[in-house]
Amino acid sequence: MEKAYMIYIYGKVQGVGFRYSALQKANELSIKGFVHNKSDGSVYIEAEGKAEILEEFLVWCRQGPSWARVDDIKYEEIPLSNYKKFVIR
């Protein structure tokens, strides 16, 4: 079953390659959507994929790349947008 989440990630998550690492992980897991930096210093992701794969992606988001520091993560289910691939915006 396909699901979609909007995910906000807070902490030291900009300037540490978070978006590029998220792109790699999303491609590895066949997740579609996008990632981009927000003006408040957080990272925003919309991710679509199989429910169990999205759970694995959320686990990764709680850690991020080794040079990031994730302090908090908030996410909620949203309607599917049927993205074709995962991109950095």
PDB file of N, CA and C in Angstrom:
ATOM      1  N   MET A   1       0.841  -1.194   0.000  1.00  0.00           N
ATOM      2  CA  MET A   1       0.000   0.000   0.000  1.00  0.00           C
ATOM      3  C   MET A   1       0.881   1.250   0.000  1.00  0.00           C
ATOM      4  N   GLU A   2       0.606   2.142  -0.928  1.00  0.00           N
ATOM      5  CA  GLU A   2       1.368   3.383  -1.031  1.00  0.00           C
ATOM      6  C   GLU A   2       0.867   4.404  -0.006  1.00  0.00           C
ATOM      7  N   LYS A   3       1.817   5.137   0.567  1.00  0.00           N
ATOM      8  CA  LYS A   3       1.517   6.214   1.505  1.00  0.00           C
ATOM      9  C   LYS A   3       2.373   7.416   1.145  1.00  0.00           C
ATOM     10  N   ALA A   4       2.027   8.548   1.722  1.00  0.00           N
ATOM     11  CA  ALA A   4       2.836   9.760   1.555  1.00  0.00           C
ATOM     12  C   ALA A   4       2.936  10.472   2.899  1.00  0.00           C
ATOM     13  N   TYR A   5       4.111  11.007   3.176  1.00  0.00           N
ATOM     14  CA  TYR A   5       4.347  11.784   4.401  1.00  0.00           C
ATOM     15  C   TYR A   5       4.973  13.114   4.048  1.00  0.00           C
ATOM     16  N   MET A   6       4.613  14.137   4.852  1.00  0.00           N
ATOM     17  CA  MET A   6       5.417  15.354   4.869  1.00  0.00           C
ATOM     18  C   MET A   6       6.231  15.261   6.153  1.00  0.00           C
ATOM     19  N   ILE A   7       7.525  15.551   6.026  1.00  0.00           N
ATOM     20  CA  ILE A   7       8.460  15.352   7.122  1.00  0.00           C
ATOM     21  C   ILE A   7       9.245  16.643   7.339  1.00  0.00           C
ATOM     22  N   TYR A   8       9.261  17.120   8.574  1.00  0.00           N
ATOM     23  CA  TYR A   8      10.090  18.268   8.953  1.00  0.00           C
ATOM     24  C   TYR A   8      11.195  17.746   9.859  1.00  0.00           C
ATOM     25  N   ILE A   9      12.431  18.141   9.557  1.00  0.00           N
ATOM     26  CA  ILE A   9      13.578  17.685  10.326  1.00  0.00           C
ATOM     27  C   ILE A   9      14.302  18.911  10.867  1.00  0.00           C
ATOM     28  N   TYR A  10      14.517  18.924  12.188  1.00  0.00           N
ATOM     29  CA  TYR A  10      15.114  20.068  12.872  1.00  0.00           C
ATOM     30  C   TYR A  10      16.440  19.677  13.506  1.00  0.00           C
ATOM     31  N   GLY A  11      17.339  20.648  13.612  1.00  0.00           N
ATOM     32  CA  GLY A  11      18.652  20.440  14.217  1.00  0.00           C
ATOM     33  C   GLY A  11      19.708  21.052  13.318  1.00  0.00           C
ATOM     34  N   LYS A  12      20.914  20.483  13.368  1.00  0.00           N
ATOM     35  CA  LYS A  12      21.982  20.929  12.463  1.00  0.00           C
ATOM     36  C   LYS A  12      21.828  20.093  11.194  1.00  0.00           C
ATOM     37  N   VAL A  13      20.906  20.532  10.324  1.00  0.00           N
ATOM     38  CA  VAL A  13      20.544  19.738   9.153  1.00  0.00           C
ATOM     39  C   VAL A  13      20.748  20.483   7.828  1.00  0.00           C
ATOM     40  N   GLN A  14      21.231  21.720   7.914  1.00  0.00           N
ATOM     41  CA  GLN A  14      21.576  22.447   6.684  1.00  0.00           C
ATOM     42  C   GLN A  14      23.079  22.660   6.659  1.00  0.00           C
ATOM     43  N   GLY A  15      23.648  22.609   5.464  1.00  0.00           N
ATOM     44  CA  GLY A  15      25.093  22.787   5.320  1.00  0.00           C
ATOM     45  C   GLY A  15      25.889  21.545   5.688  1.00  0.00           C
ATOM     46  N   VAL A  16      25.199  20.404   5.789  1.00  0.00           N
ATOM     47  CA  VAL A  16      25.865  19.149   6.172  1.00  0.00           C
ATOM     48  C   VAL A  16      25.584  18.030   5.165  1.00  0.00           C
ATOM     49  N   GLY A  17      25.047  18.388   3.999  1.00  0.00           N
ATOM     50  CA  GLY A  17      24.765  17.390   2.966  1.00  0.00           C
ATOM     51  C   GLY A  17      23.510  16.578   3.206  1.00  0.00           C
ATOM     52  N   PHE A  18      22.610  17.088   4.043  1.00  0.00           N
ATOM     53  CA  PHE A  18      21.406  16.323   4.379  1.00  0.00           C
ATOM     54  C   PHE A  18      20.557  16.045   3.139  1.00  0.00           C
ATOM     55  N   ARG A  19      20.347  17.056   2.312  1.00  0.00           N
ATOM     56  CA  ARG A  19      19.498  16.874   1.128  1.00  0.00           C
ATOM     57  C   ARG A  19      20.079  15.838   0.169  1.00  0.00           C
ATOM     58  N   TYR A  20      21.383  15.887  -0.042  1.00  0.00           N
ATOM     59  CA  TYR A  20      22.015  14.932  -0.961  1.00  0.00           C
ATOM     60  C   TYR A  20      21.976  13.520  -0.397  1.00  0.00           C
ATOM     61  N   SER A  21      22.170  13.397   0.911  1.00  0.00           N
ATOM     62  CA  SER A  21      22.081  12.082   1.552  1.00  0.00           C
ATOM     63  C   SER A  21      20.648  11.558   1.506  1.00  0.00           C
ATOM     64  N   ALA A  22      19.674  12.447   1.691  1.00  0.00           N
ATOM     65  CA  ALA A  22      18.264  12.045   1.605  1.00  0.00           C
ATOM     66  C   ALA A  22      17.933  11.565   0.196  1.00  0.00           C
ATOM     67  N   LEU A  23      18.472  12.256  -0.803  1.00  0.00           N
ATOM     68  CA  LEU A  23      18.273  11.851  -2.201  1.00  0.00           C
ATOM     69  C   LEU A  23      18.827  10.444  -2.431  1.00  0.00           C
ATOM     70  N   GLN A  24      20.035  10.191  -1.947  1.00  0.00           N
ATOM     71  CA  GLN A  24      20.650   8.865  -2.095  1.00  0.00           C
ATOM     72  C   GLN A  24      19.809   7.790  -1.415  1.00  0.00           C
ATOM     73  N   LYS A  25      19.387   8.066  -0.176  1.00  0.00           N
ATOM     74  CA  LYS A  25      18.607   7.075   0.579  1.00  0.00           C
ATOM     75  C   LYS A  25      17.259   6.838  -0.093  1.00  0.00           C
ATOM     76  N   ALA A  26      16.608   7.898  -0.535  1.00  0.00           N
ATOM     77  CA  ALA A  26      15.310   7.765  -1.206  1.00  0.00           C
ATOM     78  C   ALA A  26      15.445   6.928  -2.474  1.00  0.00           C
ATOM     79  N   ASN A  27      16.490   7.173  -3.257  1.00  0.00           N
ATOM     80  CA  ASN A  27      16.700   6.397  -4.475  1.00  0.00           C
ATOM     81  C   ASN A  27      16.988   4.931  -4.152  1.00  0.00           C
ATOM     82  N   GLU A  28      17.760   4.707  -3.107  1.00  0.00           N
ATOM     83  CA  GLU A  28      18.069   3.346  -2.666  1.00  0.00           C
ATOM     84  C   GLU A  28      16.789   2.584  -2.288  1.00  0.00           C
ATOM     85  N   LEU A  29      15.825   3.305  -1.680  1.00  0.00           N
ATOM     86  CA  LEU A  29      14.580   2.685  -1.206  1.00  0.00           C
ATOM     87  C   LEU A  29      13.427   2.810  -2.213  1.00  0.00           C
ATOM     88  N   SER A  30      13.683   3.404  -3.364  1.00  0.00           N
ATOM     89  CA  SER A  30      12.639   3.635  -4.385  1.00  0.00           C
ATOM     90  C   SER A  30      11.510   4.523  -3.873  1.00  0.00           C
ATOM     91  N   ILE A  31      11.884   5.554  -3.134  1.00  0.00           N
ATOM     92  CA  ILE A  31      10.930   6.542  -2.627  1.00  0.00           C
ATOM     93  C   ILE A  31      10.891   7.712  -3.605  1.00  0.00           C
ATOM     94  N   LYS A  32       9.717   8.248  -3.827  1.00  0.00           N
ATOM     95  CA  LYS A  32       9.517   9.399  -4.719  1.00  0.00           C
ATOM     96  C   LYS A  32       9.160  10.621  -3.884  1.00  0.00           C
ATOM     97  N   GLY A  33       9.429  11.813  -4.423  1.00  0.00           N
ATOM     98  CA  GLY A  33       9.071  13.042  -3.720  1.00  0.00           C
ATOM     99  C   GLY A  33      10.148  14.092  -3.873  1.00  0.00           C
ATOM    100  N   PHE A  34      10.368  14.873  -2.810  1.00  0.00           N
ATOM    101  CA  PHE A  34      11.394  15.920  -2.867  1.00  0.00           C
ATOM    102  C   PHE A  34      11.866  16.289  -1.472  1.00  0.00           C
ATOM    103  N   VAL A  35      12.992  16.978  -1.436  1.00  0.00           N
ATOM    104  CA  VAL A  35      13.573  17.499  -0.197  1.00  0.00           C
ATOM    105  C   VAL A  35      14.029  18.925  -0.473  1.00  0.00           C
ATOM    106  N   HIS A  36      13.843  19.808   0.502  1.00  0.00           N
ATOM    107  CA  HIS A  36      14.417  21.152   0.363  1.00  0.00           C
ATOM    108  C   HIS A  36      14.619  21.801   1.717  1.00  0.00           C
ATOM    109  N   ASN A  37      15.532  22.785   1.739  1.00  0.00           N
ATOM    110  CA  ASN A  37      15.828  23.538   2.951  1.00  0.00           C
ATOM    111  C   ASN A  37      14.758  24.595   3.164  1.00  0.00           C
ATOM    112  N   LYS A  38      14.371  24.780   4.435  1.00  0.00           N
ATOM    113  CA  LYS A  38      13.427  25.830   4.803  1.00  0.00           C
ATOM    114  C   LYS A  38      14.207  27.012   5.381  1.00  0.00           C
ATOM    115  N   SER A  39      13.607  28.187   5.328  1.00  0.00           N
ATOM    116  CA  SER A  39      14.278  29.399   5.800  1.00  0.00           C
ATOM    117  C   SER A  39      14.524  29.384   7.312  1.00  0.00           C
ATOM    118  N   ASP A  40      13.802  28.540   8.058  1.00  0.00           N
ATOM    119  CA  ASP A  40      14.003  28.471   9.514  1.00  0.00           C
ATOM    120  C   ASP A  40      15.148  27.530   9.910  1.00  0.00           C
ATOM    121  N   GLY A  41      15.870  26.987   8.908  1.00  0.00           N
ATOM    122  CA  GLY A  41      16.996  26.102   9.193  1.00  0.00           C
ATOM    123  C   GLY A  41      16.643  24.628   9.205  1.00  0.00           C
ATOM    124  N   SER A  42      15.367  24.307   9.009  1.00  0.00           N
ATOM    125  CA  SER A  42      14.939  22.908   8.976  1.00  0.00           C
ATOM    126  C   SER A  42      15.013  22.374   7.551  1.00  0.00           C
ATOM    127  N   VAL A  43      14.790  21.071   7.420  1.00  0.00           N
ATOM    128  CA  VAL A  43      14.695  20.417   6.122  1.00  0.00           C
ATOM    129  C   VAL A  43      13.282  19.874   5.992  1.00  0.00           C
ATOM    130  N   TYR A  44      12.682  20.049   4.822  1.00  0.00           N
ATOM    131  CA  TYR A  44      11.322  19.572   4.553  1.00  0.00           C
ATOM    132  C   TYR A  44      11.377  18.515   3.464  1.00  0.00           C
ATOM    133  N   ILE A  45      10.673  17.407   3.695  1.00  0.00           N
ATOM    134  CA  ILE A  45      10.627  16.313   2.734  1.00  0.00           C
ATOM    135  C   ILE A  45       9.180  15.906   2.497  1.00  0.00           C
ATOM    136  N   GLU A  46       8.834  15.664   1.250  1.00  0.00           N
ATOM    137  CA  GLU A  46       7.606  14.952   0.924  1.00  0.00           C
ATOM    138  C   GLU A  46       8.057  13.637   0.320  1.00  0.00           C
ATOM    139  N   ALA A  47       7.594  12.536   0.903  1.00  0.00           N
ATOM    140  CA  ALA A  47       8.052  11.213   0.498  1.00  0.00           C
ATOM    141  C   ALA A  47       6.858  10.300   0.255  1.00  0.00           C
ATOM    142  N   GLU A  48       6.914   9.557  -0.848  1.00  0.00           N
ATOM    143  CA  GLU A  48       5.864   8.600  -1.196  1.00  0.00           C
ATOM    144  C   GLU A  48       6.495   7.240  -1.471  1.00  0.00           C
ATOM    145  N   GLY A  49       5.808   6.210  -1.024  1.00  0.00           N
ATOM    146  CA  GLY A  49       6.289   4.862  -1.276  1.00  0.00           C
ATOM    147  C   GLY A  49       5.471   3.855  -0.494  1.00  0.00           C
ATOM    148  N   LYS A  50       5.929   2.610  -0.516  1.00  0.00           N
ATOM    149  CA  LYS A  50       5.263   1.564   0.248  1.00  0.00           C
ATOM    150  C   LYS A  50       5.404   1.867   1.731  1.00  0.00           C
ATOM    151  N   ALA A  51       4.353   1.585   2.491  1.00  0.00           N
ATOM    152  CA  ALA A  51       4.300   1.938   3.912  1.00  0.00           C
ATOM    153  C   ALA A  51       5.526   1.463   4.684  1.00  0.00           C
ATOM    154  N   GLU A  52       5.917   0.191   4.495  1.00  0.00           N
ATOM    155  CA  GLU A  52       7.044  -0.344   5.266  1.00  0.00           C
ATOM    156  C   GLU A  52       8.367   0.292   4.860  1.00  0.00           C
ATOM    157  N   ILE A  53       8.478   0.695   3.598  1.00  0.00           N
ATOM    158  CA  ILE A  53       9.692   1.371   3.125  1.00  0.00           C
ATOM    159  C   ILE A  53       9.753   2.791   3.685  1.00  0.00           C
ATOM    160  N   LEU A  54       8.607   3.462   3.759  1.00  0.00           N
ATOM    161  CA  LEU A  54       8.576   4.813   4.342  1.00  0.00           C
ATOM    162  C   LEU A  54       8.975   4.774   5.811  1.00  0.00           C
ATOM    163  N   GLU A  55       8.588   3.719   6.523  1.00  0.00           N
ATOM    164  CA  GLU A  55       8.991   3.594   7.928  1.00  0.00           C
ATOM    165  C   GLU A  55      10.513   3.506   8.027  1.00  0.00           C
ATOM    166  N   GLU A  56      11.119   2.758   7.122  1.00  0.00           N
ATOM    167  CA  GLU A  56      12.586   2.653   7.094  1.00  0.00           C
ATOM    168  C   GLU A  56      13.216   4.011   6.791  1.00  0.00           C
ATOM    169  N   PHE A  57      12.606   4.772   5.874  1.00  0.00           N
ATOM    170  CA  PHE A  57      13.105   6.111   5.543  1.00  0.00           C
ATOM    171  C   PHE A  57      12.991   7.041   6.751  1.00  0.00           C
ATOM    172  N   LEU A  58      11.890   6.946   7.501  1.00  0.00           N
ATOM    173  CA  LEU A  58      11.722   7.776   8.699  1.00  0.00           C
ATOM    174  C   LEU A  58      12.806   7.466   9.732  1.00  0.00           C
ATOM    175  N   VAL A  59      13.154   6.194   9.869  1.00  0.00           N
ATOM    176  CA  VAL A  59      14.244   5.817  10.787  1.00  0.00           C
ATOM    177  C   VAL A  59      15.531   6.503  10.345  1.00  0.00           C
ATOM    178  N   TRP A  60      15.806   6.484   9.036  1.00  0.00           N
ATOM    179  CA  TRP A  60      17.004   7.163   8.529  1.00  0.00           C
ATOM    180  C   TRP A  60      16.931   8.669   8.806  1.00  0.00           C
ATOM    181  N   CYS A  61      15.767   9.280   8.602  1.00  0.00           N
ATOM    182  CA  CYS A  61      15.608  10.730   8.818  1.00  0.00           C
ATOM    183  C   CYS A  61      15.908  11.127  10.262  1.00  0.00           C
ATOM    184  N   ARG A  62      15.651  10.241  11.200  1.00  0.00           N
ATOM    185  CA  ARG A  62      15.931  10.544  12.611  1.00  0.00           C
ATOM    186  C   ARG A  62      17.432  10.629  12.884  1.00  0.00           C
ATOM    187  N   GLN A  63      18.252  10.052  11.998  1.00  0.00           N
ATOM    188  CA  GLN A  63      19.706  10.062  12.135  1.00  0.00           C
ATOM    189  C   GLN A  63      20.332  11.037  11.147  1.00  0.00           C
ATOM    190  N   GLY A  64      19.938  10.907   9.873  1.00  0.00           N
ATOM    191  CA  GLY A  64      20.536  11.712   8.819  1.00  0.00           C
ATOM    192  C   GLY A  64      21.962  11.266   8.544  1.00  0.00           C
ATOM    193  N   PRO A  65      22.691  12.035   7.754  1.00  0.00           N
ATOM    194  CA  PRO A  65      24.095  11.705   7.492  1.00  0.00           C
ATOM    195  C   PRO A  65      24.923  11.887   8.765  1.00  0.00           C
ATOM    196  N   SER A  66      26.086  11.292   8.789  1.00  0.00           N
ATOM    197  CA  SER A  66      26.890  11.269  10.022  1.00  0.00           C
ATOM    198  C   SER A  66      27.270  12.656  10.538  1.00  0.00           C
ATOM    199  N   TRP A  67      27.380  13.643   9.676  1.00  0.00           N
ATOM    200  CA  TRP A  67      27.794  14.985  10.104  1.00  0.00           C
ATOM    201  C   TRP A  67      26.606  15.868  10.494  1.00  0.00           C
ATOM    202  N   ALA A  68      25.381  15.357  10.387  1.00  0.00           N
ATOM    203  CA  ALA A  68      24.191  16.111  10.817  1.00  0.00           C
ATOM    204  C   ALA A  68      23.890  15.816  12.283  1.00  0.00           C
ATOM    205  N   ARG A  69      23.084  16.682  12.896  1.00  0.00           N
ATOM    206  CA  ARG A  69      22.572  16.432  14.248  1.00  0.00           C
ATOM    207  C   ARG A  69      21.062  16.670  14.197  1.00  0.00           C
ATOM    208  N   VAL A  70      20.296  15.616  14.272  1.00  0.00           N
ATOM    209  CA  VAL A  70      18.838  15.733  14.232  1.00  0.00           C
ATOM    210  C   VAL A  70      18.330  15.866  15.665  1.00  0.00           C
ATOM    211  N   ASP A  71      17.692  17.010  15.953  1.00  0.00           N
ATOM    212  CA  ASP A  71      17.134  17.255  17.285  1.00  0.00           C
ATOM    213  C   ASP A  71      15.676  16.824  17.379  1.00  0.00           C
ATOM    214  N   ASP A  72      14.953  16.944  16.272  1.00  0.00           N
ATOM    215  CA  ASP A  72      13.523  16.625  16.289  1.00  0.00           C
ATOM    216  C   ASP A  72      13.072  16.321  14.866  1.00  0.00           C
ATOM    217  N   ILE A  73      12.021  15.512  14.787  1.00  0.00           N
ATOM    218  CA  ILE A  73      11.419  15.197  13.501  1.00  0.00           C
ATOM    219  C   ILE A  73       9.913  15.171  13.697  1.00  0.00           C
ATOM    220  N   LYS A  74       9.206  15.805  12.798  1.00  0.00           N
ATOM    221  CA  LYS A  74       7.735  15.802  12.821  1.00  0.00           C
ATOM    222  C   LYS A  74       7.265  15.339  11.450  1.00  0.00           C
ATOM    223  N   TYR A  75       6.266  14.490  11.441  1.00  0.00           N
ATOM    224  CA  TYR A  75       5.749  14.018  10.163  1.00  0.00           C
ATOM    225  C   TYR A  75       4.272  13.703  10.293  1.00  0.00           C
ATOM    226  N   GLU A  76       3.589  13.768   9.161  1.00  0.00           N
ATOM    227  CA  GLU A  76       2.181  13.368   9.123  1.00  0.00           C
ATOM    228  C   GLU A  76       1.854  12.866   7.733  1.00  0.00           C
ATOM    229  N   GLU A  77       0.866  12.007   7.678  1.00  0.00           N
ATOM    230  CA  GLU A  77       0.447  11.451   6.403  1.00  0.00           C
ATOM    231  C   GLU A  77      -0.296  12.514   5.605  1.00  0.00           C
ATOM    232  N   ILE A  78      -0.036  12.541   4.305  1.00  0.00           N
ATOM    233  CA  ILE A  78      -0.684  13.480   3.393  1.00  0.00           C
ATOM    234  C   ILE A  78      -1.196  12.695   2.180  1.00  0.00           C
ATOM    235  N   PRO A  79      -2.063  13.299   1.366  1.00  0.00           N
ATOM    236  CA  PRO A  79      -2.532  12.613   0.148  1.00  0.00           C
ATOM    237  C   PRO A  79      -1.376  12.372  -0.825  1.00  0.00           C
ATOM    238  N   LEU A  80      -1.455  11.306  -1.583  1.00  0.00           N
ATOM    239  CA  LEU A  80      -0.449  11.003  -2.603  1.00  0.00           C
ATOM    240  C   LEU A  80      -0.452  12.068  -3.702  1.00  0.00           C
ATOM    241  N   SER A  81       0.749  12.431  -4.154  1.00  0.00           N
ATOM    242  CA  SER A  81       0.897  13.358  -5.284  1.00  0.00           C
ATOM    243  C   SER A  81       1.382  12.646  -6.532  1.00  0.00           C
ATOM    244  N   ASN A  82       1.709  11.371  -6.407  1.00  0.00           N
ATOM    245  CA  ASN A  82       2.198  10.557  -7.526  1.00  0.00           C
ATOM    246  C   ASN A  82       3.437  11.142  -8.194  1.00  0.00           C
ATOM    247  N   TYR A  83       4.441  11.479  -7.371  1.00  0.00           N
ATOM    248  CA  TYR A  83       5.718  11.955  -7.898  1.00  0.00           C
ATOM    249  C   TYR A  83       6.346  10.866  -8.754  1.00  0.00           C
ATOM    250  N   LYS A  84       7.118  11.268  -9.740  1.00  0.00           N
ATOM    251  CA  LYS A  84       7.780  10.329 -10.653  1.00  0.00           C
ATOM    252  C   LYS A  84       9.154   9.903 -10.160  1.00  0.00           C
ATOM    253  N   LYS A  85       9.812  10.777  -9.383  1.00  0.00           N
ATOM    254  CA  LYS A  85      11.137  10.481  -8.842  1.00  0.00           C
ATOM    255  C   LYS A  85      11.356  11.333  -7.605  1.00  0.00           C
ATOM    256  N   PHE A  86      12.521  11.192  -6.982  1.00  0.00           N
ATOM    257  CA  PHE A  86      12.877  11.994  -5.807  1.00  0.00           C
ATOM    258  C   PHE A  86      13.892  13.038  -6.247  1.00  0.00           C
ATOM    259  N   VAL A  87      13.638  14.298  -5.893  1.00  0.00           N
ATOM    260  CA  VAL A  87      14.513  15.389  -6.334  1.00  0.00           C
ATOM    261  C   VAL A  87      14.831  16.342  -5.178  1.00  0.00           C
ATOM    262  N   ILE A  88      15.883  17.109  -5.367  1.00  0.00           N
ATOM    263  CA  ILE A  88      16.227  18.204  -4.455  1.00  0.00           C
ATOM    264  C   ILE A  88      15.642  19.471  -5.057  1.00  0.00           C
ATOM    265  N   ARG A  89      14.931  20.224  -4.252  1.00  0.00           N
ATOM    266  CA  ARG A  89      14.351  21.496  -4.728  1.00  0.00           C
ATOM    267  C   ARG A  89      15.043  22.668  -4.066  1.00  0.00           C
TER     268      ARG A  89
END
